[in-house]
């Protein structure tokens, strides 16, 4: 139960960090909710997946892989957001992966 709570807290923090700029830019609420939900769920998947890569890179890799469908969908209407989404997924995913490896 402690692990589930920790993953939930990590997801809430990561989601909040990601949506703060979105709220300031007044981005569509569905996009904002989608981004928050992504970061809320991703730590659970990251924790469950085992891949033979260095600890520091696991989070970034998993987050990028999970974000690919959303990135493709967004690219159709807003090509400027794609590099931002990739960078955000890579950075936040790497940080979440490092936090998870340190705490769990």
PDB file of N, CA and C in Angstrom:
ATOM      1  N   UNK A   1       0.816  -1.196   0.000  1.00  0.00           N
ATOM      2  CA  UNK A   1       0.000   0.000   0.000  1.00  0.00           C
ATOM      3  C   UNK A   1       0.861   1.262   0.000  1.00  0.00           C
ATOM      4  N   UNK A   2       2.001   1.183   0.693  1.00  0.00           N
ATOM      5  CA  UNK A   2       2.909   2.321   0.738  1.00  0.00           C
ATOM      6  C   UNK A   2       3.427   2.643  -0.671  1.00  0.00           C
ATOM      7  N   UNK A   3       3.721   1.609  -1.447  1.00  0.00           N
ATOM      8  CA  UNK A   3       4.217   1.812  -2.804  1.00  0.00           C
ATOM      9  C   UNK A   3       3.155   2.503  -3.655  1.00  0.00           C
ATOM     10  N   UNK A   4       1.909   2.065  -3.549  1.00  0.00           N
ATOM     11  CA  UNK A   4       0.827   2.669  -4.330  1.00  0.00           C
ATOM     12  C   UNK A   4       0.659   4.150  -3.979  1.00  0.00           C
ATOM     13  N   UNK A   5       0.702   4.462  -2.695  1.00  0.00           N
ATOM     14  CA  UNK A   5       0.581   5.852  -2.263  1.00  0.00           C
ATOM     15  C   UNK A   5       1.752   6.683  -2.774  1.00  0.00           C
ATOM     16  N   UNK A   6       2.948   6.132  -2.686  1.00  0.00           N
ATOM     17  CA  UNK A   6       4.144   6.842  -3.170  1.00  0.00           C
ATOM     18  C   UNK A   6       4.048   7.115  -4.664  1.00  0.00           C
ATOM     19  N   UNK A   7       3.619   6.116  -5.436  1.00  0.00           N
ATOM     20  CA  UNK A   7       3.469   6.297  -6.878  1.00  0.00           C
ATOM     21  C   UNK A   7       2.396   7.343  -7.193  1.00  0.00           C
ATOM     22  N   UNK A   8       1.330   7.345  -6.419  1.00  0.00           N
ATOM     23  CA  UNK A   8       0.276   8.338  -6.612  1.00  0.00           C
ATOM     24  C   UNK A   8       0.790   9.749  -6.343  1.00  0.00           C
ATOM     25  N   UNK A   9       1.550   9.912  -5.273  1.00  0.00           N
ATOM     26  CA  UNK A   9       2.117  11.228  -4.945  1.00  0.00           C
ATOM     27  C   UNK A   9       3.095  11.674  -6.040  1.00  0.00           C
ATOM     28  N   UNK A  10       3.932  10.764  -6.493  1.00  0.00           N
ATOM     29  CA  UNK A  10       4.874  11.087  -7.573  1.00  0.00           C
ATOM     30  C   UNK A  10       4.098  11.528  -8.824  1.00  0.00           C
ATOM     31  N   UNK A  11       3.045  10.813  -9.157  1.00  0.00           N
ATOM     32  CA  UNK A  11       2.230  11.156 -10.322  1.00  0.00           C
ATOM     33  C   UNK A  11       1.553  12.509 -10.183  1.00  0.00           C
ATOM     34  N   UNK A  12       1.035  12.805  -9.006  1.00  0.00           N
ATOM     35  CA  UNK A  12       0.385  14.101  -8.769  1.00  0.00           C
ATOM     36  C   UNK A  12       1.405  15.223  -8.905  1.00  0.00           C
ATOM     37  N   UNK A  13       2.575  15.040  -8.331  1.00  0.00           N
ATOM     38  CA  UNK A  13       3.612  16.075  -8.427  1.00  0.00           C
ATOM     39  C   UNK A  13       4.074  16.270  -9.874  1.00  0.00           C
ATOM     40  N   UNK A  14       4.318  15.172 -10.581  1.00  0.00           N
ATOM     41  CA  UNK A  14       4.758  15.277 -11.981  1.00  0.00           C
ATOM     42  C   UNK A  14       3.675  15.924 -12.839  1.00  0.00           C
ATOM     43  N   UNK A  15       2.429  15.534 -12.619  1.00  0.00           N
ATOM     44  CA  UNK A  15       1.326  16.117 -13.376  1.00  0.00           C
ATOM     45  C   UNK A  15       1.171  17.602 -13.109  1.00  0.00           C
ATOM     46  N   UNK A  16       1.315  17.985 -11.862  1.00  0.00           N
ATOM     47  CA  UNK A  16       1.204  19.397 -11.497  1.00  0.00           C
ATOM     48  C   UNK A  16       2.311  20.212 -12.145  1.00  0.00           C
ATOM     49  N   UNK A  17       3.519  19.683 -12.116  1.00  0.00           N
ATOM     50  CA  UNK A  17       4.653  20.384 -12.745  1.00  0.00           C
ATOM     51  C   UNK A  17       4.399  20.564 -14.240  1.00  0.00           C
ATOM     52  N   UNK A  18       3.836  19.559 -14.878  1.00  0.00           N
ATOM     53  CA  UNK A  18       3.614  19.638 -16.314  1.00  0.00           C
ATOM     54  C   UNK A  18       2.474  20.589 -16.679  1.00  0.00           C
ATOM     55  N   UNK A  19       1.431  20.659 -15.864  1.00  0.00           N
ATOM     56  CA  UNK A  19       0.281  21.470 -16.272  1.00  0.00           C
ATOM     57  C   UNK A  19       0.367  22.931 -15.842  1.00  0.00           C
ATOM     58  N   UNK A  20       1.282  23.288 -14.966  1.00  0.00           N
ATOM     59  CA  UNK A  20       1.392  24.693 -14.555  1.00  0.00           C
ATOM     60  C   UNK A  20       1.597  25.617 -15.759  1.00  0.00           C
ATOM     61  N   UNK A  21       2.554  25.325 -16.657  1.00  0.00           N
ATOM     62  CA  UNK A  21       2.678  26.193 -17.833  1.00  0.00           C
ATOM     63  C   UNK A  21       1.433  26.161 -18.727  1.00  0.00           C
ATOM     64  N   UNK A  22       0.768  25.010 -18.792  1.00  0.00           N
ATOM     65  CA  UNK A  22      -0.431  24.889 -19.611  1.00  0.00           C
ATOM     66  C   UNK A  22      -1.549  25.783 -19.074  1.00  0.00           C
ATOM     67  N   UNK A  23      -1.657  25.842 -17.751  1.00  0.00           N
ATOM     68  CA  UNK A  23      -2.674  26.698 -17.142  1.00  0.00           C
ATOM     69  C   UNK A  23      -2.372  28.168 -17.388  1.00  0.00           C
ATOM     70  N   UNK A  24      -1.098  28.540 -17.305  1.00  0.00           N
ATOM     71  CA  UNK A  24      -0.713  29.934 -17.541  1.00  0.00           C
ATOM     72  C   UNK A  24      -0.984  30.359 -18.980  1.00  0.00           C
ATOM     73  N   UNK A  25      -0.832  29.399 -19.921  1.00  0.00           N
ATOM     74  CA  UNK A  25      -1.061  29.710 -21.333  1.00  0.00           C
ATOM     75  C   UNK A  25      -2.531  29.531 -21.724  1.00  0.00           C
ATOM     76  N   UNK A  26      -3.351  29.142 -20.748  1.00  0.00           N
ATOM     77  CA  UNK A  26      -4.789  28.935 -20.974  1.00  0.00           C
ATOM     78  C   UNK A  26      -5.063  27.933 -22.097  1.00  0.00           C
ATOM     79  N   UNK A  27      -4.344  26.826 -22.044  1.00  0.00           N
ATOM     80  CA  UNK A  27      -4.542  25.747 -23.018  1.00  0.00           C
ATOM     81  C   UNK A  27      -5.858  25.037 -22.687  1.00  0.00           C
ATOM     82  N   UNK A  28      -6.474  24.491 -23.706  1.00  0.00           N
ATOM     83  CA  UNK A  28      -7.740  23.768 -23.591  1.00  0.00           C
ATOM     84  C   UNK A  28      -7.752  22.851 -22.367  1.00  0.00           C
ATOM     85  N   UNK A  29      -8.849  22.866 -21.618  1.00  0.00           N
ATOM     86  CA  UNK A  29      -8.903  22.091 -20.373  1.00  0.00           C
ATOM     87  C   UNK A  29      -8.805  20.591 -20.597  1.00  0.00           C
ATOM     88  N   UNK A  30      -9.290  20.109 -21.747  1.00  0.00           N
ATOM     89  CA  UNK A  30      -9.183  18.678 -22.030  1.00  0.00           C
ATOM     90  C   UNK A  30      -7.726  18.263 -22.244  1.00  0.00           C
ATOM     91  N   UNK A  31      -6.961  19.110 -22.889  1.00  0.00           N
ATOM     92  CA  UNK A  31      -5.531  18.847 -23.069  1.00  0.00           C
ATOM     93  C   UNK A  31      -4.816  18.863 -21.728  1.00  0.00           C
ATOM     94  N   UNK A  32      -5.194  19.795 -20.874  1.00  0.00           N
ATOM     95  CA  UNK A  32      -4.576  19.903 -19.556  1.00  0.00           C
ATOM     96  C   UNK A  32      -4.916  18.685 -18.696  1.00  0.00           C
ATOM     97  N   UNK A  33      -6.169  18.288 -18.711  1.00  0.00           N
ATOM     98  CA  UNK A  33      -6.588  17.112 -17.938  1.00  0.00           C
ATOM     99  C   UNK A  33      -5.904  15.858 -18.480  1.00  0.00           C
ATOM    100  N   UNK A  34      -5.792  15.763 -19.798  1.00  0.00           N
ATOM    101  CA  UNK A  34      -5.123  14.620 -20.414  1.00  0.00           C
ATOM    102  C   UNK A  34      -3.659  14.536 -19.977  1.00  0.00           C
ATOM    103  N   UNK A  35      -2.970  15.675 -19.975  1.00  0.00           N
ATOM    104  CA  UNK A  35      -1.561  15.698 -19.549  1.00  0.00           C
ATOM    105  C   UNK A  35      -1.434  15.293 -18.083  1.00  0.00           C
ATOM    106  N   UNK A  36      -2.325  15.794 -17.248  1.00  0.00           N
ATOM    107  CA  UNK A  36      -2.267  15.438 -15.825  1.00  0.00           C
ATOM    108  C   UNK A  36      -2.524  13.943 -15.640  1.00  0.00           C
ATOM    109  N   UNK A  37      -3.531  13.412 -16.342  1.00  0.00           N
ATOM    110  CA  UNK A  37      -3.843  11.981 -16.238  1.00  0.00           C
ATOM    111  C   UNK A  37      -2.666  11.126 -16.703  1.00  0.00           C
ATOM    112  N   UNK A  38      -2.005  11.558 -17.765  1.00  0.00           N
ATOM    113  CA  UNK A  38      -0.831  10.840 -18.257  1.00  0.00           C
ATOM    114  C   UNK A  38       0.224  10.720 -17.158  1.00  0.00           C
ATOM    115  N   UNK A  39       0.531  11.836 -16.521  1.00  0.00           N
ATOM    116  CA  UNK A  39       1.562  11.837 -15.479  1.00  0.00           C
ATOM    117  C   UNK A  39       1.096  11.158 -14.195  1.00  0.00           C
ATOM    118  N   UNK A  40      -0.192  11.101 -13.989  1.00  0.00           N
ATOM    119  CA  UNK A  40      -0.723  10.403 -12.819  1.00  0.00           C
ATOM    120  C   UNK A  40      -0.590   8.889 -12.985  1.00  0.00           C
ATOM    121  N   UNK A  41      -0.790   8.401 -14.200  1.00  0.00           N
ATOM    122  CA  UNK A  41      -0.774   6.963 -14.472  1.00  0.00           C
ATOM    123  C   UNK A  41       0.622   6.429 -14.790  1.00  0.00           C
ATOM    124  N   UNK A  42       1.438   7.223 -15.457  1.00  0.00           N
ATOM    125  CA  UNK A  42       2.744   6.761 -15.933  1.00  0.00           C
ATOM    126  C   UNK A  42       3.668   6.197 -14.848  1.00  0.00           C
ATOM    127  N   UNK A  43       3.726   6.762 -13.626  1.00  0.00           N
ATOM    128  CA  UNK A  43       4.619   6.163 -12.622  1.00  0.00           C
ATOM    129  C   UNK A  43       4.277   4.712 -12.280  1.00  0.00           C
ATOM    130  N   UNK A  44       2.993   4.358 -12.344  1.00  0.00           N
ATOM    131  CA  UNK A  44       2.596   2.977 -12.067  1.00  0.00           C
ATOM    132  C   UNK A  44       3.130   2.042 -13.155  1.00  0.00           C
ATOM    133  N   UNK A  45       3.046   2.483 -14.404  1.00  0.00           N
ATOM    134  CA  UNK A  45       3.564   1.683 -15.517  1.00  0.00           C
ATOM    135  C   UNK A  45       5.090   1.603 -15.430  1.00  0.00           C
ATOM    136  N   UNK A  46       5.711   2.732 -15.143  1.00  0.00           N
ATOM    137  CA  UNK A  46       7.169   2.782 -15.006  1.00  0.00           C
ATOM    138  C   UNK A  46       7.650   1.814 -13.926  1.00  0.00           C
ATOM    139  N   UNK A  47       6.944   1.760 -12.814  1.00  0.00           N
ATOM    140  CA  UNK A  47       7.307   0.867 -11.713  1.00  0.00           C
ATOM    141  C   UNK A  47       7.168  -0.600 -12.115  1.00  0.00           C
ATOM    142  N   UNK A  48       6.167  -0.899 -12.948  1.00  0.00           N
ATOM    143  CA  UNK A  48       5.880  -2.294 -13.309  1.00  0.00           C
ATOM    144  C   UNK A  48       6.780  -2.832 -14.419  1.00  0.00           C
ATOM    145  N   UNK A  49       7.390  -1.938 -15.195  1.00  0.00           N
ATOM    146  CA  UNK A  49       8.176  -2.358 -16.356  1.00  0.00           C
ATOM    147  C   UNK A  49       9.642  -2.568 -15.972  1.00  0.00           C
ATOM    148  N   UNK A  50      10.207  -3.641 -16.475  1.00  0.00           N
ATOM    149  CA  UNK A  50      11.623  -3.908 -16.286  1.00  0.00           C
ATOM    150  C   UNK A  50      12.279  -3.941 -17.661  1.00  0.00           C
ATOM    151  N   UNK A  51      13.232  -3.028 -17.864  1.00  0.00           N
ATOM    152  CA  UNK A  51      13.986  -3.032 -19.108  1.00  0.00           C
ATOM    153  C   UNK A  51      15.475  -2.917 -18.771  1.00  0.00           C
ATOM    154  N   UNK A  52      16.320  -3.543 -19.578  1.00  0.00           N
ATOM    155  CA  UNK A  52      17.757  -3.559 -19.274  1.00  0.00           C
ATOM    156  C   UNK A  52      18.473  -2.276 -19.727  1.00  0.00           C
ATOM    157  N   UNK A  53      18.195  -1.188 -19.039  1.00  0.00           N
ATOM    158  CA  UNK A  53      18.847   0.093 -19.324  1.00  0.00           C
ATOM    159  C   UNK A  53      19.298   0.694 -17.994  1.00  0.00           C
ATOM    160  N   UNK A  54      20.200   1.668 -18.030  1.00  0.00           N
ATOM    161  CA  UNK A  54      20.600   2.322 -16.783  1.00  0.00           C
ATOM    162  C   UNK A  54      19.390   2.954 -16.082  1.00  0.00           C
ATOM    163  N   UNK A  55      19.442   2.991 -14.772  1.00  0.00           N
ATOM    164  CA  UNK A  55      18.335   3.510 -13.965  1.00  0.00           C
ATOM    165  C   UNK A  55      17.932   4.914 -14.384  1.00  0.00           C
ATOM    166  N   UNK A  56      18.894   5.769 -14.672  1.00  0.00           N
ATOM    167  CA  UNK A  56      18.581   7.156 -14.986  1.00  0.00           C
ATOM    168  C   UNK A  56      17.827   7.308 -16.302  1.00  0.00           C
ATOM    169  N   UNK A  57      17.936   6.336 -17.212  1.00  0.00           N
ATOM    170  CA  UNK A  57      17.297   6.471 -18.524  1.00  0.00           C
ATOM    171  C   UNK A  57      15.947   5.755 -18.632  1.00  0.00           C
ATOM    172  N   UNK A  58      15.653   4.875 -17.709  1.00  0.00           N
ATOM    173  CA  UNK A  58      14.417   4.083 -17.796  1.00  0.00           C
ATOM    174  C   UNK A  58      13.174   4.976 -17.835  1.00  0.00           C
ATOM    175  N   UNK A  59      13.087   5.943 -16.955  1.00  0.00           N
ATOM    176  CA  UNK A  59      11.912   6.809 -16.890  1.00  0.00           C
ATOM    177  C   UNK A  59      11.697   7.588 -18.167  1.00  0.00           C
ATOM    178  N   UNK A  60      12.750   8.170 -18.692  1.00  0.00           N
ATOM    179  CA  UNK A  60      12.639   8.933 -19.930  1.00  0.00           C
ATOM    180  C   UNK A  60      12.191   8.076 -21.092  1.00  0.00           C
ATOM    181  N   UNK A  61      12.739   6.877 -21.184  1.00  0.00           N
ATOM    182  CA  UNK A  61      12.383   5.963 -22.279  1.00  0.00           C
ATOM    183  C   UNK A  61      10.910   5.560 -22.186  1.00  0.00           C
ATOM    184  N   UNK A  62      10.472   5.162 -21.004  1.00  0.00           N
ATOM    185  CA  UNK A  62       9.083   4.724 -20.825  1.00  0.00           C
ATOM    186  C   UNK A  62       8.114   5.875 -21.083  1.00  0.00           C
ATOM    187  N   UNK A  63       8.433   7.055 -20.565  1.00  0.00           N
ATOM    188  CA  UNK A  63       7.547   8.202 -20.769  1.00  0.00           C
ATOM    189  C   UNK A  63       7.439   8.568 -22.246  1.00  0.00           C
ATOM    190  N   UNK A  64       8.543   8.553 -22.966  1.00  0.00           N
ATOM    191  CA  UNK A  64       8.504   8.847 -24.404  1.00  0.00           C
ATOM    192  C   UNK A  64       7.647   7.804 -25.128  1.00  0.00           C
ATOM    193  N   UNK A  65       7.854   6.536 -24.813  1.00  0.00           N
ATOM    194  CA  UNK A  65       7.070   5.478 -25.465  1.00  0.00           C
ATOM    195  C   UNK A  65       5.580   5.624 -25.175  1.00  0.00           C
ATOM    196  N   UNK A  66       5.246   5.966 -23.942  1.00  0.00           N
ATOM    197  CA  UNK A  66       3.835   6.146 -23.586  1.00  0.00           C
ATOM    198  C   UNK A  66       3.233   7.388 -24.251  1.00  0.00           C
ATOM    199  N   UNK A  67       4.048   8.386 -24.503  1.00  0.00           N
ATOM    200  CA  UNK A  67       3.555   9.649 -25.064  1.00  0.00           C
ATOM    201  C   UNK A  67       3.411   9.621 -26.586  1.00  0.00           C
ATOM    202  N   UNK A  68       3.985   8.634 -27.252  1.00  0.00           N
ATOM    203  CA  UNK A  68       3.979   8.607 -28.719  1.00  0.00           C
ATOM    204  C   UNK A  68       2.572   8.750 -29.311  1.00  0.00           C
ATOM    205  N   UNK A  69       1.559   8.011 -28.845  1.00  0.00           N
ATOM    206  CA  UNK A  69       0.227   8.186 -29.445  1.00  0.00           C
ATOM    207  C   UNK A  69      -0.307   9.619 -29.315  1.00  0.00           C
ATOM    208  N   UNK A  70      -0.114  10.219 -28.170  1.00  0.00           N
ATOM    209  CA  UNK A  70      -0.577  11.595 -27.962  1.00  0.00           C
ATOM    210  C   UNK A  70       0.209  12.566 -28.829  1.00  0.00           C
ATOM    211  N   UNK A  71       1.500  12.352 -28.929  1.00  0.00           N
ATOM    212  CA  UNK A  71       2.343  13.226 -29.755  1.00  0.00           C
ATOM    213  C   UNK A  71       1.901  13.160 -31.213  1.00  0.00           C
ATOM    214  N   UNK A  72       1.593  11.975 -31.705  1.00  0.00           N
ATOM    215  CA  UNK A  72       1.124  11.823 -33.080  1.00  0.00           C
ATOM    216  C   UNK A  72      -0.196  12.572 -33.274  1.00  0.00           C
ATOM    217  N   UNK A  73      -1.091  12.429 -32.327  1.00  0.00           N
ATOM    218  CA  UNK A  73      -2.390  13.104 -32.413  1.00  0.00           C
ATOM    219  C   UNK A  73      -2.233  14.623 -32.409  1.00  0.00           C
ATOM    220  N   UNK A  74      -1.377  15.141 -31.555  1.00  0.00           N
ATOM    221  CA  UNK A  74      -1.159  16.584 -31.460  1.00  0.00           C
ATOM    222  C   UNK A  74      -0.451  17.102 -32.713  1.00  0.00           C
ATOM    223  N   UNK A  75       0.448  16.323 -33.276  1.00  0.00           N
ATOM    224  CA  UNK A  75       1.211  16.755 -34.451  1.00  0.00           C
ATOM    225  C   UNK A  75       0.311  17.096 -35.631  1.00  0.00           C
ATOM    226  N   UNK A  76      -0.849  16.483 -35.685  1.00  0.00           N
ATOM    227  CA  UNK A  76      -1.790  16.742 -36.768  1.00  0.00           C
ATOM    228  C   UNK A  76      -2.231  18.209 -36.785  1.00  0.00           C
ATOM    229  N   UNK A  77      -2.443  18.781 -35.616  1.00  0.00           N
ATOM    230  CA  UNK A  77      -2.986  20.134 -35.569  1.00  0.00           C
ATOM    231  C   UNK A  77      -2.014  21.193 -35.050  1.00  0.00           C
ATOM    232  N   UNK A  78      -0.956  20.770 -34.347  1.00  0.00           N
ATOM    233  CA  UNK A  78      -0.050  21.756 -33.736  1.00  0.00           C
ATOM    234  C   UNK A  78       1.376  21.220 -33.722  1.00  0.00           C
ATOM    235  N   UNK A  79       2.082  21.401 -34.821  1.00  0.00           N
ATOM    236  CA  UNK A  79       3.445  20.867 -34.946  1.00  0.00           C
ATOM    237  C   UNK A  79       4.437  21.536 -33.993  1.00  0.00           C
ATOM    238  N   UNK A  80       4.148  22.760 -33.552  1.00  0.00           N
ATOM    239  CA  UNK A  80       5.056  23.458 -32.622  1.00  0.00           C
ATOM    240  C   UNK A  80       5.113  22.772 -31.258  1.00  0.00           C
ATOM    241  N   UNK A  81       4.054  22.088 -30.877  1.00  0.00           N
ATOM    242  CA  UNK A  81       3.996  21.468 -29.556  1.00  0.00           C
ATOM    243  C   UNK A  81       4.763  20.153 -29.463  1.00  0.00           C
ATOM    244  N   UNK A  82       5.043  19.548 -30.598  1.00  0.00           N
ATOM    245  CA  UNK A  82       5.685  18.227 -30.593  1.00  0.00           C
ATOM    246  C   UNK A  82       7.044  18.234 -29.882  1.00  0.00           C
ATOM    247  N   UNK A  83       7.978  19.134 -30.223  1.00  0.00           N
ATOM    248  CA  UNK A  83       9.262  19.123 -29.512  1.00  0.00           C
ATOM    249  C   UNK A  83       9.107  19.405 -28.006  1.00  0.00           C
ATOM    250  N   UNK A  84       8.145  20.243 -27.661  1.00  0.00           N
ATOM    251  CA  UNK A  84       7.900  20.554 -26.256  1.00  0.00           C
ATOM    252  C   UNK A  84       7.404  19.313 -25.526  1.00  0.00           C
ATOM    253  N   UNK A  85       6.501  18.581 -26.155  1.00  0.00           N
ATOM    254  CA  UNK A  85       5.972  17.358 -25.539  1.00  0.00           C
ATOM    255  C   UNK A  85       7.062  16.298 -25.396  1.00  0.00           C
ATOM    256  N   UNK A  86       7.910  16.178 -26.404  1.00  0.00           N
ATOM    257  CA  UNK A  86       9.005  15.202 -26.328  1.00  0.00           C
ATOM    258  C   UNK A  86       9.969  15.568 -25.211  1.00  0.00           C
ATOM    259  N   UNK A  87      10.353  16.840 -25.157  1.00  0.00           N
ATOM    260  CA  UNK A  87      11.281  17.284 -24.108  1.00  0.00           C
ATOM    261  C   UNK A  87      10.661  17.131 -22.730  1.00  0.00           C
ATOM    262  N   UNK A  88       9.405  17.500 -22.600  1.00  0.00           N
ATOM    263  CA  UNK A  88       8.718  17.384 -21.314  1.00  0.00           C
ATOM    264  C   UNK A  88       8.652  15.924 -20.862  1.00  0.00           C
ATOM    265  N   UNK A  89       8.275  15.040 -21.766  1.00  0.00           N
ATOM    266  CA  UNK A  89       8.196  13.612 -21.416  1.00  0.00           C
ATOM    267  C   UNK A  89       9.562  13.068 -21.034  1.00  0.00           C
ATOM    268  N   UNK A  90      10.580  13.459 -21.777  1.00  0.00           N
ATOM    269  CA  UNK A  90      11.929  12.980 -21.504  1.00  0.00           C
ATOM    270  C   UNK A  90      12.443  13.470 -20.147  1.00  0.00           C
ATOM    271  N   UNK A  91      12.298  14.752 -19.894  1.00  0.00           N
ATOM    272  CA  UNK A  91      12.816  15.332 -18.645  1.00  0.00           C
ATOM    273  C   UNK A  91      12.012  14.854 -17.440  1.00  0.00           C
ATOM    274  N   UNK A  92      10.697  14.995 -17.500  1.00  0.00           N
ATOM    275  CA  UNK A  92       9.874  14.586 -16.356  1.00  0.00           C
ATOM    276  C   UNK A  92       9.975  13.085 -16.140  1.00  0.00           C
ATOM    277  N   UNK A  93       9.996  12.301 -17.220  1.00  0.00           N
ATOM    278  CA  UNK A  93      10.132  10.850 -17.091  1.00  0.00           C
ATOM    279  C   UNK A  93      11.449  10.447 -16.444  1.00  0.00           C
ATOM    280  N   UNK A  94      12.521  11.107 -16.826  1.00  0.00           N
ATOM    281  CA  UNK A  94      13.829  10.805 -16.232  1.00  0.00           C
ATOM    282  C   UNK A  94      13.833  11.149 -14.744  1.00  0.00           C
ATOM    283  N   UNK A  95      13.274  12.299 -14.408  1.00  0.00           N
ATOM    284  CA  UNK A  95      13.219  12.704 -12.992  1.00  0.00           C
ATOM    285  C   UNK A  95      12.348  11.734 -12.191  1.00  0.00           C
ATOM    286  N   UNK A  96      11.196  11.378 -12.731  1.00  0.00           N
ATOM    287  CA  UNK A  96      10.314  10.424 -12.041  1.00  0.00           C
ATOM    288  C   UNK A  96      11.021   9.083 -11.863  1.00  0.00           C
ATOM    289  N   UNK A  97      11.711   8.625 -12.894  1.00  0.00           N
ATOM    290  CA  UNK A  97      12.451   7.370 -12.796  1.00  0.00           C
ATOM    291  C   UNK A  97      13.526   7.416 -11.720  1.00  0.00           C
ATOM    292  N   UNK A  98      14.243   8.523 -11.648  1.00  0.00           N
ATOM    293  CA  UNK A  98      15.272   8.665 -10.614  1.00  0.00           C
ATOM    294  C   UNK A  98      14.662   8.733  -9.218  1.00  0.00           C
ATOM    295  N   UNK A  99      13.557   9.453  -9.086  1.00  0.00           N
ATOM    296  CA  UNK A  99      12.883   9.546  -7.780  1.00  0.00           C
ATOM    297  C   UNK A  99      12.385   8.169  -7.361  1.00  0.00           C
ATOM    298  N   UNK A 100      11.790   7.456  -8.294  1.00  0.00           N
ATOM    299  CA  UNK A 100      11.303   6.110  -7.982  1.00  0.00           C
ATOM    300  C   UNK A 100      12.427   5.191  -7.546  1.00  0.00           C
ATOM    301  N   UNK A 101      13.543   5.230  -8.263  1.00  0.00           N
ATOM    302  CA  UNK A 101      14.650   4.342  -7.910  1.00  0.00           C
ATOM    303  C   UNK A 101      15.244   4.701  -6.551  1.00  0.00           C
ATOM    304  N   UNK A 102      15.177   5.976  -6.190  1.00  0.00           N
ATOM    305  CA  UNK A 102      15.701   6.400  -4.885  1.00  0.00           C
ATOM    306  C   UNK A 102      14.747   6.052  -3.749  1.00  0.00           C
ATOM    307  N   UNK A 103      13.447   6.139  -3.996  1.00  0.00           N
ATOM    308  CA  UNK A 103      12.466   5.930  -2.931  1.00  0.00           C
ATOM    309  C   UNK A 103      11.999   4.496  -2.773  1.00  0.00           C
ATOM    310  N   UNK A 104      11.966   3.761  -3.881  1.00  0.00           N
ATOM    311  CA  UNK A 104      11.373   2.411  -3.799  1.00  0.00           C
ATOM    312  C   UNK A 104      12.407   1.371  -3.903  1.00  0.00           C
TER     313      UNK A 104
END
